[in-house]
Amino acid sequence: MSDRINTRIDTSLKKKAVKVFDRLGLTEAEAIRLFYAQVELQQGIPFPLMIPNAHTLEAFEEAKHPQKLSSFKNFRALRSRTGT
């Protein structure tokens, strides 16, 4: 017995994933079955899921405005600024 799963997925993401599946010699259905098998085997999502902390969220916001980020002429200047 088997069940059917219907879901919506972003077209661009699907196309990119299918390219990877093709290189691996997998169909989309096989890739989904592999994912489910790994969830069952590992008793969880088979890759780390993390909620970013405040420091990481702040870095994400800074990265949205690269013109405001510090730049350095060389590695020595960076080390001097960061005290390392």
N, C-alpha and C. Protein backbone atom coordinates (compact mmCIF):
# COMPACT_ATOMS: atom_id res chain seq x y z
N MET A 1 0.84 -1.18 0.00
CA MET A 1 0.00 0.00 0.00
C MET A 1 0.89 1.25 0.00
N SER A 2 0.46 2.26 -0.71
CA SER A 2 1.20 3.52 -0.72
C SER A 2 0.22 4.69 -0.72
N ASP A 3 0.69 5.81 -0.20
CA ASP A 3 -0.11 7.03 -0.16
C ASP A 3 0.42 8.01 -1.19
N ARG A 4 -0.44 8.92 -1.61
CA ARG A 4 -0.07 9.97 -2.55
C ARG A 4 0.11 11.26 -1.76
N ILE A 5 1.13 12.03 -2.14
CA ILE A 5 1.38 13.33 -1.53
C ILE A 5 1.27 14.39 -2.62
N ASN A 6 0.48 15.41 -2.39
CA ASN A 6 0.37 16.54 -3.32
C ASN A 6 0.83 17.79 -2.58
N THR A 7 1.74 18.53 -3.19
CA THR A 7 2.25 19.74 -2.55
C THR A 7 2.64 20.76 -3.60
N ARG A 8 2.73 22.00 -3.19
CA ARG A 8 3.18 23.06 -4.09
C ARG A 8 4.62 23.41 -3.72
N ILE A 9 5.42 23.72 -4.74
CA ILE A 9 6.81 24.10 -4.50
C ILE A 9 7.20 25.15 -5.53
N ASP A 10 8.03 26.08 -5.12
CA ASP A 10 8.49 27.14 -6.00
C ASP A 10 9.09 26.54 -7.28
N THR A 11 8.69 27.06 -8.43
CA THR A 11 9.12 26.53 -9.72
C THR A 11 10.63 26.54 -9.87
N SER A 12 11.25 27.64 -9.50
CA SER A 12 12.71 27.75 -9.62
C SER A 12 13.42 26.73 -8.74
N LEU A 13 12.97 26.59 -7.52
CA LEU A 13 13.57 25.62 -6.60
C LEU A 13 13.42 24.21 -7.16
N LYS A 14 12.25 23.90 -7.67
CA LYS A 14 11.99 22.56 -8.23
C LYS A 14 12.94 22.27 -9.38
N LYS A 15 13.09 23.22 -10.30
CA LYS A 15 13.97 23.02 -11.46
C LYS A 15 15.41 22.78 -11.01
N LYS A 16 15.86 23.55 -10.04
CA LYS A 16 17.24 23.40 -9.55
C LYS A 16 17.42 22.05 -8.87
N ALA A 17 16.44 21.64 -8.08
CA ALA A 17 16.53 20.35 -7.39
C ALA A 17 16.50 19.20 -8.39
N VAL A 18 15.66 19.30 -9.41
CA VAL A 18 15.56 18.24 -10.42
C VAL A 18 16.90 18.07 -11.14
N LYS A 19 17.62 19.16 -11.37
CA LYS A 19 18.96 19.05 -11.99
C LYS A 19 19.89 18.21 -11.12
N VAL A 20 19.82 18.44 -9.82
CA VAL A 20 20.64 17.65 -8.88
C VAL A 20 20.19 16.19 -8.90
N PHE A 21 18.89 15.96 -8.83
CA PHE A 21 18.37 14.59 -8.86
C PHE A 21 18.83 13.88 -10.14
N ASP A 22 18.77 14.58 -11.27
CA ASP A 22 19.20 13.99 -12.55
C ASP A 22 20.66 13.57 -12.48
N ARG A 23 21.51 14.43 -11.92
CA ARG A 23 22.93 14.10 -11.81
C ARG A 23 23.15 12.88 -10.91
N LEU A 24 22.27 12.71 -9.94
CA LEU A 24 22.36 11.57 -9.02
C LEU A 24 21.65 10.33 -9.57
N GLY A 25 20.96 10.49 -10.69
CA GLY A 25 20.23 9.37 -11.27
C GLY A 25 18.95 9.04 -10.53
N LEU A 26 18.35 10.06 -9.91
CA LEU A 26 17.12 9.88 -9.14
C LEU A 26 15.94 10.58 -9.80
N THR A 27 14.78 9.98 -9.66
CA THR A 27 13.55 10.69 -10.03
C THR A 27 13.14 11.54 -8.84
N GLU A 28 12.21 12.45 -9.07
CA GLU A 28 11.70 13.26 -7.96
C GLU A 28 11.05 12.36 -6.90
N ALA A 29 10.29 11.38 -7.35
CA ALA A 29 9.62 10.47 -6.41
C ALA A 29 10.65 9.70 -5.58
N GLU A 30 11.73 9.25 -6.21
CA GLU A 30 12.77 8.52 -5.46
C GLU A 30 13.43 9.43 -4.43
N ALA A 31 13.69 10.67 -4.81
CA ALA A 31 14.31 11.61 -3.89
C ALA A 31 13.41 11.86 -2.68
N ILE A 32 12.12 12.00 -2.93
CA ILE A 32 11.18 12.21 -1.82
C ILE A 32 11.12 10.97 -0.93
N ARG A 33 11.10 9.78 -1.55
CA ARG A 33 11.10 8.55 -0.75
C ARG A 33 12.37 8.43 0.08
N LEU A 34 13.52 8.83 -0.49
CA LEU A 34 14.77 8.82 0.27
C LEU A 34 14.70 9.76 1.47
N PHE A 35 14.14 10.94 1.25
CA PHE A 35 13.98 11.89 2.35
C PHE A 35 13.15 11.27 3.47
N TYR A 36 12.02 10.70 3.13
CA TYR A 36 11.14 10.08 4.13
C TYR A 36 11.86 8.93 4.84
N ALA A 37 12.62 8.13 4.08
CA ALA A 37 13.34 7.01 4.69
C ALA A 37 14.37 7.51 5.70
N GLN A 38 15.05 8.61 5.37
CA GLN A 38 16.03 9.18 6.28
C GLN A 38 15.38 9.77 7.53
N VAL A 39 14.23 10.39 7.36
CA VAL A 39 13.49 10.92 8.51
C VAL A 39 13.16 9.77 9.46
N GLU A 40 12.67 8.67 8.91
CA GLU A 40 12.32 7.52 9.75
C GLU A 40 13.56 6.92 10.39
N LEU A 41 14.63 6.74 9.62
CA LEU A 41 15.86 6.14 10.13
C LEU A 41 16.48 6.97 11.24
N GLN A 42 16.53 8.29 11.05
CA GLN A 42 17.17 9.17 12.02
C GLN A 42 16.21 9.69 13.08
N GLN A 43 14.93 9.39 12.90
CA GLN A 43 13.90 9.86 13.82
C GLN A 43 13.92 11.39 13.94
N GLY A 44 14.10 12.04 12.82
CA GLY A 44 14.11 13.49 12.76
C GLY A 44 14.46 13.96 11.37
N ILE A 45 14.50 15.26 11.19
CA ILE A 45 14.89 15.84 9.90
C ILE A 45 16.36 15.50 9.68
N PRO A 46 16.74 15.01 8.49
CA PRO A 46 18.10 14.52 8.27
C PRO A 46 19.14 15.61 8.00
N PHE A 47 18.90 16.79 8.47
CA PHE A 47 19.87 17.88 8.39
C PHE A 47 19.54 18.85 9.52
N PRO A 48 20.52 19.63 9.96
CA PRO A 48 20.26 20.51 11.11
C PRO A 48 19.28 21.63 10.78
N LEU A 49 18.34 21.85 11.67
CA LEU A 49 17.42 22.98 11.58
C LEU A 49 17.71 23.88 12.77
N MET A 50 18.02 25.13 12.50
CA MET A 50 18.37 26.03 13.58
C MET A 50 17.65 27.36 13.42
N ILE A 51 17.26 27.92 14.54
CA ILE A 51 16.70 29.26 14.55
C ILE A 51 17.86 30.21 14.81
N PRO A 52 18.09 31.18 13.93
CA PRO A 52 19.24 32.07 14.13
C PRO A 52 19.10 32.89 15.41
N ASN A 53 20.25 33.06 16.09
CA ASN A 53 20.24 33.88 17.30
C ASN A 53 20.29 35.36 16.92
N ALA A 54 20.21 36.23 17.90
CA ALA A 54 20.16 37.68 17.66
C ALA A 54 21.39 38.16 16.91
N HIS A 55 22.56 37.63 17.24
CA HIS A 55 23.81 38.05 16.59
C HIS A 55 23.77 37.70 15.09
N THR A 56 23.29 36.50 14.78
CA THR A 56 23.19 36.07 13.38
C THR A 56 22.17 36.91 12.62
N LEU A 57 21.03 37.18 13.24
CA LEU A 57 20.01 38.02 12.59
C LEU A 57 20.55 39.42 12.31
N GLU A 58 21.34 39.95 13.24
CA GLU A 58 21.96 41.26 13.04
C GLU A 58 22.92 41.22 11.85
N ALA A 59 23.68 40.15 11.73
CA ALA A 59 24.60 40.00 10.59
C ALA A 59 23.83 39.91 9.28
N PHE A 60 22.68 39.22 9.28
CA PHE A 60 21.85 39.15 8.08
C PHE A 60 21.41 40.55 7.66
N GLU A 61 20.99 41.35 8.62
CA GLU A 61 20.54 42.71 8.33
C GLU A 61 21.69 43.55 7.78
N GLU A 62 22.87 43.43 8.39
CA GLU A 62 24.04 44.17 7.91
C GLU A 62 24.37 43.80 6.47
N ALA A 63 24.24 42.53 6.14
CA ALA A 63 24.58 42.06 4.81
C ALA A 63 23.64 42.60 3.74
N LYS A 64 22.46 43.05 4.13
CA LYS A 64 21.52 43.63 3.18
C LYS A 64 21.99 45.00 2.68
N HIS A 65 22.97 45.59 3.38
CA HIS A 65 23.48 46.92 3.03
C HIS A 65 25.01 46.85 2.94
N PRO A 66 25.53 46.20 1.90
CA PRO A 66 26.98 45.99 1.81
C PRO A 66 27.78 47.29 1.77
N GLN A 67 27.16 48.36 1.31
CA GLN A 67 27.88 49.63 1.25
C GLN A 67 28.23 50.14 2.64
N LYS A 68 27.55 49.66 3.66
CA LYS A 68 27.81 50.09 5.04
C LYS A 68 28.81 49.18 5.76
N LEU A 69 29.20 48.08 5.12
CA LEU A 69 30.11 47.14 5.76
C LEU A 69 31.54 47.67 5.72
N SER A 70 32.32 47.31 6.73
CA SER A 70 33.73 47.72 6.78
C SER A 70 34.51 46.96 5.73
N SER A 71 35.52 47.60 5.20
CA SER A 71 36.44 46.92 4.29
C SER A 71 37.87 47.23 4.74
N PHE A 72 38.78 46.38 4.35
CA PHE A 72 40.17 46.51 4.80
C PHE A 72 41.09 46.35 3.61
N LYS A 73 42.21 47.08 3.64
CA LYS A 73 43.16 47.02 2.54
C LYS A 73 43.91 45.70 2.51
N ASN A 74 44.08 45.09 3.68
CA ASN A 74 44.81 43.83 3.75
C ASN A 74 44.44 43.09 5.04
N PHE A 75 44.95 41.88 5.14
CA PHE A 75 44.64 41.04 6.29
C PHE A 75 45.18 41.63 7.59
N ARG A 76 46.34 42.25 7.52
CA ARG A 76 46.93 42.87 8.72
C ARG A 76 46.01 43.95 9.27
N ALA A 77 45.42 44.76 8.41
CA ALA A 77 44.51 45.81 8.85
C ALA A 77 43.26 45.21 9.50
N LEU A 78 42.76 44.14 8.94
CA LEU A 78 41.61 43.45 9.53
C LEU A 78 41.95 42.93 10.92
N ARG A 79 43.10 42.27 11.04
CA ARG A 79 43.51 41.73 12.34
C ARG A 79 43.71 42.84 13.36
N SER A 80 44.25 43.95 12.92
CA SER A 80 44.46 45.08 13.82
C SER A 80 43.12 45.60 14.33
N ARG A 81 42.15 45.71 13.44
CA ARG A 81 40.83 46.23 13.80
C ARG A 81 40.07 45.29 14.74
N THR A 82 40.22 43.98 14.51
CA THR A 82 39.48 43.02 15.32
C THR A 82 40.25 42.56 16.55
N GLY A 83 41.51 42.96 16.66
CA GLY A 83 42.30 42.59 17.83
C GLY A 83 42.69 41.13 17.86
N THR A 84 42.85 40.54 16.70
CA THR A 84 43.26 39.13 16.66
C THR A 84 44.65 38.97 16.10
